[in-house]
Structures are given as C-alpha cells and as structure tokens.
Amino acid sequence: AAHPEVQLEVVDVQYYRDVAGSVSSVPTVIIDGARTVTGVISEQELLGLLQERSSQTYVQQTLTSMLEAGRMADLAPLLSSGPGQKAFCTILSNSTMQQRIGLMLAAEETLSANPHALDGAVPQLLPLLENQDAALRGDTADLLGRIGAPGAKEALTRLLSDGHPDVREVAEDALSMLRRPS
C-alpha cells in the first residue's frame, strides 16, 4: 500500500456487503477490478501477480480466476472485449465440465446485460463445432444460438447431421434463436 501506483481498499464484508459486491471469500485480492485471488498471499506473490499484467496469458488467467471465485456477474466488461473473448474461447476449448458451466453462466450474464456483447467471439467459437467432444460441440452450438449471430447459421446447419443426437437437437434449437441478418 506504500507504493504510489497501488491503491488499497479494505472492505469488511460483514458490515459493508453492498460495497463488497460479489466477493464471498475472505481475504480476497482483486487486481485492476478483475484478477481475483482468494486466500492469504505474500508480498512476493502479490508483486508477481502485478508483474504478470504484461504477460500474454494475463487475460486468460484473470478470466479463470474470476470464474473460480464465482464472479460471473463481474465478467461482462472483460467478455465484451476482444482479448476477453479470445481468452474465453481458449478456456472453453480446453475446459473441464465445471469450467464450462462457469463460462456458460458468465456468457449468459454478459448477454443479459448486452445482447451483442459476444458477437465478436463468433469466429473464434465456430471451430469448436468441429471438436471431437460432443458435449463441447453441443455447448458451443447452444452458446452460438444464445449469441444469436446470423454468421453462425451455416456451421450450425452442418451440425444437423452430427453423429450425436443431442448435438443435432441443440443445433436445431440454436438455429431457431439466431437473429435475422441486418
């Protein structure tokens, strides 16, 4: 806190729940309003996290940390950005089921705040429709339907002949949710 470029805010969540927002674990360190670390960390660990801000994987690590901390509602600004969407798609492509559920909840929160927020992610999501994992294909198809981007129509139409019946059903539902091209 003694460094001039560091702003420290201590919030007692027991008394100031409205200020604490979605923070539910104590202690929680939030860097730049996004990167979330729960539990006690040393000064060296904090310095390391601050130095990571310039790394190529920082946005992906930030998104992962927010998902793990359950900060779905706080993810909309990050997911609305190009780097956030790229990180989202990278994590989704290699996700565990638990991560995928968190990503889908975060996407839902983001889309409810701004229905066009994830339009820019569509080109990065389309290749996931060809993944070997049927659950990932289905979840991606569902997400593309929720995004509603008409640019996904051709790829979703191809899924109507997918070898997995659940994927075909999700693709059909997703096609019905697409917006009309403008």
C-alpha atoms as a PDB file:
ATOM      1  CA  ALA A   1       0.000   0.000   0.000  1.00  0.00           C
ATOM      2  CA  ALA A   2       3.013   2.307   0.375  1.00  0.00           C
ATOM      3  CA  HIS A   3       3.690   2.302  -3.379  1.00  0.00           C
ATOM      4  CA  PRO A   4       2.312   5.419  -5.139  1.00  0.00           C
ATOM      5  CA  GLU A   5       0.803   3.400  -8.015  1.00  0.00           C
ATOM      6  CA  VAL A   6      -1.050   0.993  -5.733  1.00  0.00           C
ATOM      7  CA  GLN A   7      -4.445   1.876  -4.389  1.00  0.00           C
ATOM      8  CA  LEU A   8      -5.529  -0.280  -1.475  1.00  0.00           C
ATOM      9  CA  GLU A   9      -9.116  -0.597  -0.385  1.00  0.00           C
ATOM     10  CA  VAL A  10     -10.036  -2.749   2.601  1.00  0.00           C
ATOM     11  CA  VAL A  11     -13.705  -3.668   2.896  1.00  0.00           C
ATOM     12  CA  ASP A  12     -15.157  -5.505   5.870  1.00  0.00           C
ATOM     13  CA  VAL A  13     -17.766  -7.608   4.069  1.00  0.00           C
ATOM     14  CA  GLN A  14     -19.522  -8.352   7.321  1.00  0.00           C
ATOM     15  CA  TYR A  15     -20.581  -4.705   7.628  1.00  0.00           C
ATOM     16  CA  TYR A  16     -20.356  -3.385   4.060  1.00  0.00           C
ATOM     17  CA  ARG A  17     -21.905  -6.145   1.968  1.00  0.00           C
ATOM     18  CA  ASP A  18     -23.126  -3.694  -0.682  1.00  0.00           C
ATOM     19  CA  VAL A  19     -19.581  -2.404  -1.261  1.00  0.00           C
ATOM     20  CA  ALA A  20     -18.077  -5.906  -1.347  1.00  0.00           C
ATOM     21  CA  GLY A  21     -20.050  -6.854  -4.461  1.00  0.00           C
ATOM     22  CA  SER A  22     -19.556 -10.472  -5.442  1.00  0.00           C
ATOM     23  CA  VAL A  23     -16.648 -11.091  -3.076  1.00  0.00           C
ATOM     24  CA  SER A  24     -17.595 -14.007  -0.873  1.00  0.00           C
ATOM     25  CA  SER A  25     -14.255 -15.388   0.315  1.00  0.00           C
ATOM     26  CA  VAL A  26     -12.034 -13.606   2.755  1.00  0.00           C
ATOM     27  CA  PRO A  27      -9.378 -12.471   2.204  1.00  0.00           C
ATOM     28  CA  THR A  28      -9.784 -11.683  -1.484  1.00  0.00           C
ATOM     29  CA  VAL A  29      -7.380  -9.576  -3.522  1.00  0.00           C
ATOM     30  CA  ILE A  30      -8.751  -8.074  -6.730  1.00  0.00           C
ATOM     31  CA  ILE A  31      -6.225  -6.587  -9.138  1.00  0.00           C
ATOM     32  CA  ASP A  32      -7.431  -3.983 -11.654  1.00  0.00           C
ATOM     33  CA  GLY A  33     -11.018  -4.789 -10.742  1.00  0.00           C
ATOM     34  CA  ALA A  34     -10.699  -8.232 -12.317  1.00  0.00           C
ATOM     35  CA  ARG A  35      -7.886 -10.660 -11.433  1.00  0.00           C
ATOM     36  CA  THR A  36      -9.109 -12.398  -8.300  1.00  0.00           C
ATOM     37  CA  VAL A  37      -7.017 -14.208  -5.703  1.00  0.00           C
ATOM     38  CA  THR A  38      -8.614 -15.691  -2.604  1.00  0.00           C
ATOM     39  CA  GLY A  39      -6.693 -16.605   0.495  1.00  0.00           C
ATOM     40  CA  VAL A  40      -3.628 -15.135   2.119  1.00  0.00           C
ATOM     41  CA  ILE A  41      -0.818 -14.252  -0.284  1.00  0.00           C
ATOM     42  CA  SER A  42       2.640 -12.940   0.449  1.00  0.00           C
ATOM     43  CA  GLU A  43       4.026  -9.618  -0.710  1.00  0.00           C
ATOM     44  CA  GLN A  44       6.239 -11.507  -3.203  1.00  0.00           C
ATOM     45  CA  GLU A  45       3.216 -13.349  -4.617  1.00  0.00           C
ATOM     46  CA  LEU A  46       1.368 -10.052  -4.987  1.00  0.00           C
ATOM     47  CA  LEU A  47       4.344  -8.482  -6.755  1.00  0.00           C
ATOM     48  CA  GLY A  48       4.473 -11.491  -9.087  1.00  0.00           C
ATOM     49  CA  LEU A  49       0.790 -11.079  -9.923  1.00  0.00           C
ATOM     50  CA  LEU A  50       1.275  -7.385 -10.627  1.00  0.00           C
ATOM     51  CA  GLN A  51       4.203  -8.164 -12.934  1.00  0.00           C
ATOM     52  CA  GLU A  52       2.125 -10.741 -14.825  1.00  0.00           C
ATOM     53  CA  ARG A  53      -0.148  -7.946 -16.034  1.00  0.00           C
ATOM     54  CA  SER A  54       2.074  -7.533 -19.095  1.00  0.00           C
ATOM     55  CA  SER A  55       2.139 -11.257 -19.966  1.00  0.00           C
ATOM     56  CA  GLN A  56       0.368 -12.780 -22.966  1.00  0.00           C
ATOM     57  CA  THR A  57      -1.726 -15.048 -20.752  1.00  0.00           C
ATOM     58  CA  TYR A  58      -2.815 -12.434 -18.200  1.00  0.00           C
ATOM     59  CA  VAL A  59      -6.360 -12.033 -19.542  1.00  0.00           C
ATOM     60  CA  GLN A  60      -6.844 -15.801 -19.616  1.00  0.00           C
ATOM     61  CA  GLN A  61      -5.535 -16.128 -16.061  1.00  0.00           C
ATOM     62  CA  THR A  62      -7.765 -13.244 -14.972  1.00  0.00           C
ATOM     63  CA  LEU A  63     -10.841 -14.800 -16.551  1.00  0.00           C
ATOM     64  CA  THR A  64     -10.047 -18.149 -14.921  1.00  0.00           C
ATOM     65  CA  SER A  65      -9.544 -16.510 -11.526  1.00  0.00           C
ATOM     66  CA  MET A  66     -12.865 -14.695 -11.747  1.00  0.00           C
ATOM     67  CA  LEU A  67     -14.661 -17.910 -12.729  1.00  0.00           C
ATOM     68  CA  GLU A  68     -13.092 -19.791  -9.835  1.00  0.00           C
ATOM     69  CA  ALA A  69     -14.121 -17.027  -7.432  1.00  0.00           C
ATOM     70  CA  GLY A  70     -17.704 -17.149  -8.723  1.00  0.00           C
ATOM     71  CA  ARG A  71     -17.648 -13.570 -10.028  1.00  0.00           C
ATOM     72  CA  MET A  72     -19.882 -14.327 -13.054  1.00  0.00           C
ATOM     73  CA  ALA A  73     -21.778 -11.043 -12.873  1.00  0.00           C
ATOM     74  CA  ASP A  74     -18.492  -9.086 -12.902  1.00  0.00           C
ATOM     75  CA  LEU A  75     -17.227 -10.729 -16.093  1.00  0.00           C
ATOM     76  CA  ALA A  76     -19.332  -8.795 -18.619  1.00  0.00           C
ATOM     77  CA  PRO A  77     -16.784  -5.988 -19.230  1.00  0.00           C
ATOM     78  CA  LEU A  78     -13.980  -8.499 -19.738  1.00  0.00           C
ATOM     79  CA  LEU A  79     -16.036 -10.765 -22.007  1.00  0.00           C
ATOM     80  CA  SER A  80     -17.145  -7.785 -24.058  1.00  0.00           C
ATOM     81  CA  SER A  81     -13.556  -7.063 -25.095  1.00  0.00           C
ATOM     82  CA  GLY A  82     -11.579  -8.730 -27.876  1.00  0.00           C
ATOM     83  CA  PRO A  83      -8.874 -10.072 -25.539  1.00  0.00           C
ATOM     84  CA  GLY A  84     -11.545 -11.309 -23.121  1.00  0.00           C
ATOM     85  CA  GLN A  85     -13.383 -13.125 -25.902  1.00  0.00           C
ATOM     86  CA  LYS A  86     -10.161 -14.722 -27.110  1.00  0.00           C
ATOM     87  CA  ALA A  87      -9.395 -15.896 -23.556  1.00  0.00           C
ATOM     88  CA  PHE A  88     -12.974 -17.164 -23.176  1.00  0.00           C
ATOM     89  CA  CYS A  89     -12.681 -19.277 -26.348  1.00  0.00           C
ATOM     90  CA  THR A  90      -9.258 -20.604 -25.360  1.00  0.00           C
ATOM     91  CA  ILE A  91     -10.502 -21.680 -21.951  1.00  0.00           C
ATOM     92  CA  LEU A  92     -13.692 -23.146 -23.436  1.00  0.00           C
ATOM     93  CA  SER A  93     -11.748 -25.256 -25.928  1.00  0.00           C
ATOM     94  CA  ASN A  94      -9.790 -26.969 -23.134  1.00  0.00           C
ATOM     95  CA  SER A  95     -12.351 -26.736 -20.349  1.00  0.00           C
ATOM     96  CA  THR A  96     -13.425 -29.152 -17.694  1.00  0.00           C
ATOM     97  CA  MET A  97     -17.171 -29.562 -17.229  1.00  0.00           C
ATOM     98  CA  GLN A  98     -17.067 -27.288 -14.160  1.00  0.00           C
ATOM     99  CA  GLN A  99     -15.211 -24.566 -16.076  1.00  0.00           C
ATOM    100  CA  ARG A 100     -17.617 -24.896 -18.982  1.00  0.00           C
ATOM    101  CA  ILE A 101     -20.603 -24.424 -16.692  1.00  0.00           C
ATOM    102  CA  GLY A 102     -18.972 -21.294 -15.270  1.00  0.00           C
ATOM    103  CA  LEU A 103     -18.185 -19.982 -18.747  1.00  0.00           C
ATOM    104  CA  MET A 104     -21.770 -20.545 -19.879  1.00  0.00           C
ATOM    105  CA  LEU A 105     -23.120 -18.766 -16.797  1.00  0.00           C
ATOM    106  CA  ALA A 106     -20.725 -15.874 -17.403  1.00  0.00           C
ATOM    107  CA  ALA A 107     -21.775 -15.689 -21.060  1.00  0.00           C
ATOM    108  CA  GLU A 108     -25.431 -15.688 -20.033  1.00  0.00           C
ATOM    109  CA  GLU A 109     -24.825 -12.819 -17.573  1.00  0.00           C
ATOM    110  CA  THR A 110     -22.903 -10.904 -20.237  1.00  0.00           C
ATOM    111  CA  LEU A 111     -25.587 -11.397 -22.885  1.00  0.00           C
ATOM    112  CA  SER A 112     -28.352 -10.350 -20.496  1.00  0.00           C
ATOM    113  CA  ALA A 113     -26.510  -7.065 -19.924  1.00  0.00           C
ATOM    114  CA  ASN A 114     -25.746  -6.570 -23.639  1.00  0.00           C
ATOM    115  CA  PRO A 115     -27.225  -8.966 -26.236  1.00  0.00           C
ATOM    116  CA  HIS A 116     -24.477  -8.111 -28.767  1.00  0.00           C
ATOM    117  CA  ALA A 117     -21.533  -8.285 -26.349  1.00  0.00           C
ATOM    118  CA  LEU A 118     -20.243 -11.627 -27.628  1.00  0.00           C
ATOM    119  CA  ASP A 119     -20.809 -11.123 -31.356  1.00  0.00           C
ATOM    120  CA  GLY A 120     -17.058 -10.679 -31.806  1.00  0.00           C
ATOM    121  CA  ALA A 121     -16.405 -14.151 -30.348  1.00  0.00           C
ATOM    122  CA  VAL A 122     -18.376 -15.971 -33.052  1.00  0.00           C
ATOM    123  CA  PRO A 123     -15.435 -16.517 -35.468  1.00  0.00           C
ATOM    124  CA  GLN A 124     -13.391 -17.999 -32.610  1.00  0.00           C
ATOM    125  CA  LEU A 125     -16.274 -20.231 -31.485  1.00  0.00           C
ATOM    126  CA  LEU A 126     -17.082 -21.712 -34.892  1.00  0.00           C
ATOM    127  CA  PRO A 127     -14.054 -24.081 -34.986  1.00  0.00           C
ATOM    128  CA  LEU A 128     -15.210 -25.592 -31.679  1.00  0.00           C
ATOM    129  CA  LEU A 129     -18.246 -27.002 -33.503  1.00  0.00           C
ATOM    130  CA  GLU A 130     -15.848 -29.485 -35.127  1.00  0.00           C
ATOM    131  CA  ASN A 131     -14.274 -30.667 -31.863  1.00  0.00           C
ATOM    132  CA  GLN A 132     -14.221 -34.417 -31.096  1.00  0.00           C
ATOM    133  CA  ASP A 133     -16.007 -33.792 -27.779  1.00  0.00           C
ATOM    134  CA  ALA A 134     -19.764 -33.958 -28.431  1.00  0.00           C
ATOM    135  CA  ALA A 135     -20.531 -32.076 -25.198  1.00  0.00           C
ATOM    136  CA  LEU A 136     -18.271 -29.212 -26.278  1.00  0.00           C
ATOM    137  CA  ARG A 137     -19.881 -29.137 -29.739  1.00  0.00           C
ATOM    138  CA  GLY A 138     -23.321 -29.023 -28.126  1.00  0.00           C
ATOM    139  CA  ASP A 139     -22.387 -26.353 -25.584  1.00  0.00           C
ATOM    140  CA  THR A 140     -20.784 -24.247 -28.314  1.00  0.00           C
ATOM    141  CA  ALA A 141     -23.865 -24.606 -30.523  1.00  0.00           C
ATOM    142  CA  ASP A 142     -26.068 -23.563 -27.605  1.00  0.00           C
ATOM    143  CA  LEU A 143     -23.854 -20.548 -26.930  1.00  0.00           C
ATOM    144  CA  LEU A 144     -23.904 -19.516 -30.593  1.00  0.00           C
ATOM    145  CA  GLY A 145     -27.690 -19.693 -30.507  1.00  0.00           C
ATOM    146  CA  ARG A 146     -27.794 -17.523 -27.393  1.00  0.00           C
ATOM    147  CA  ILE A 147     -25.437 -15.033 -29.027  1.00  0.00           C
ATOM    148  CA  GLY A 148     -27.817 -15.083 -31.979  1.00  0.00           C
ATOM    149  CA  ALA A 149     -25.239 -14.043 -34.565  1.00  0.00           C
ATOM    150  CA  PRO A 150     -26.519 -14.882 -38.056  1.00  0.00           C
ATOM    151  CA  GLY A 151     -22.932 -15.663 -39.140  1.00  0.00           C
ATOM    152  CA  ALA A 152     -23.175 -18.987 -37.302  1.00  0.00           C
ATOM    153  CA  LYS A 153     -26.078 -20.270 -39.408  1.00  0.00           C
ATOM    154  CA  GLU A 154     -24.052 -22.304 -41.921  1.00  0.00           C
ATOM    155  CA  ALA A 155     -21.931 -24.035 -39.272  1.00  0.00           C
ATOM    156  CA  LEU A 156     -24.962 -24.779 -37.094  1.00  0.00           C
ATOM    157  CA  THR A 157     -26.825 -26.156 -40.113  1.00  0.00           C
ATOM    158  CA  ARG A 158     -23.969 -28.630 -40.694  1.00  0.00           C
ATOM    159  CA  LEU A 159     -24.465 -29.870 -37.123  1.00  0.00           C
ATOM    160  CA  LEU A 160     -27.989 -31.009 -38.009  1.00  0.00           C
ATOM    161  CA  SER A 161     -26.298 -34.131 -39.426  1.00  0.00           C
ATOM    162  CA  ASP A 162     -23.909 -34.618 -36.468  1.00  0.00           C
ATOM    163  CA  GLY A 163     -23.404 -38.209 -35.333  1.00  0.00           C
ATOM    164  CA  HIS A 164     -24.575 -37.375 -31.818  1.00  0.00           C
ATOM    165  CA  PRO A 165     -28.356 -36.929 -31.373  1.00  0.00           C
ATOM    166  CA  ASP A 166     -28.012 -34.399 -28.535  1.00  0.00           C
ATOM    167  CA  VAL A 167     -25.761 -32.204 -30.685  1.00  0.00           C
ATOM    168  CA  ARG A 168     -28.301 -32.321 -33.520  1.00  0.00           C
ATOM    169  CA  GLU A 169     -31.083 -31.274 -31.126  1.00  0.00           C
ATOM    170  CA  VAL A 170     -29.051 -28.396 -29.667  1.00  0.00           C
ATOM    171  CA  ALA A 171     -28.086 -27.233 -33.178  1.00  0.00           C
ATOM    172  CA  GLU A 172     -31.747 -27.159 -34.182  1.00  0.00           C
ATOM    173  CA  ASP A 173     -32.637 -25.098 -31.106  1.00  0.00           C
ATOM    174  CA  ALA A 174     -29.659 -22.775 -31.699  1.00  0.00           C
ATOM    175  CA  LEU A 175     -30.715 -22.146 -35.304  1.00  0.00           C
ATOM    176  CA  SER A 176     -34.150 -21.067 -34.090  1.00  0.00           C
ATOM    177  CA  MET A 177     -32.531 -18.411 -31.834  1.00  0.00           C
ATOM    178  CA  LEU A 178     -30.390 -16.697 -34.489  1.00  0.00           C
ATOM    179  CA  ARG A 179     -31.128 -13.065 -35.304  1.00  0.00           C
ATOM    180  CA  ARG A 180     -32.055 -12.092 -38.801  1.00  0.00           C
ATOM    181  CA  PRO A 181     -29.113 -10.637 -40.781  1.00  0.00           C
ATOM    182  CA  SER A 182     -29.211  -6.855 -40.725  1.00  0.00           C
END
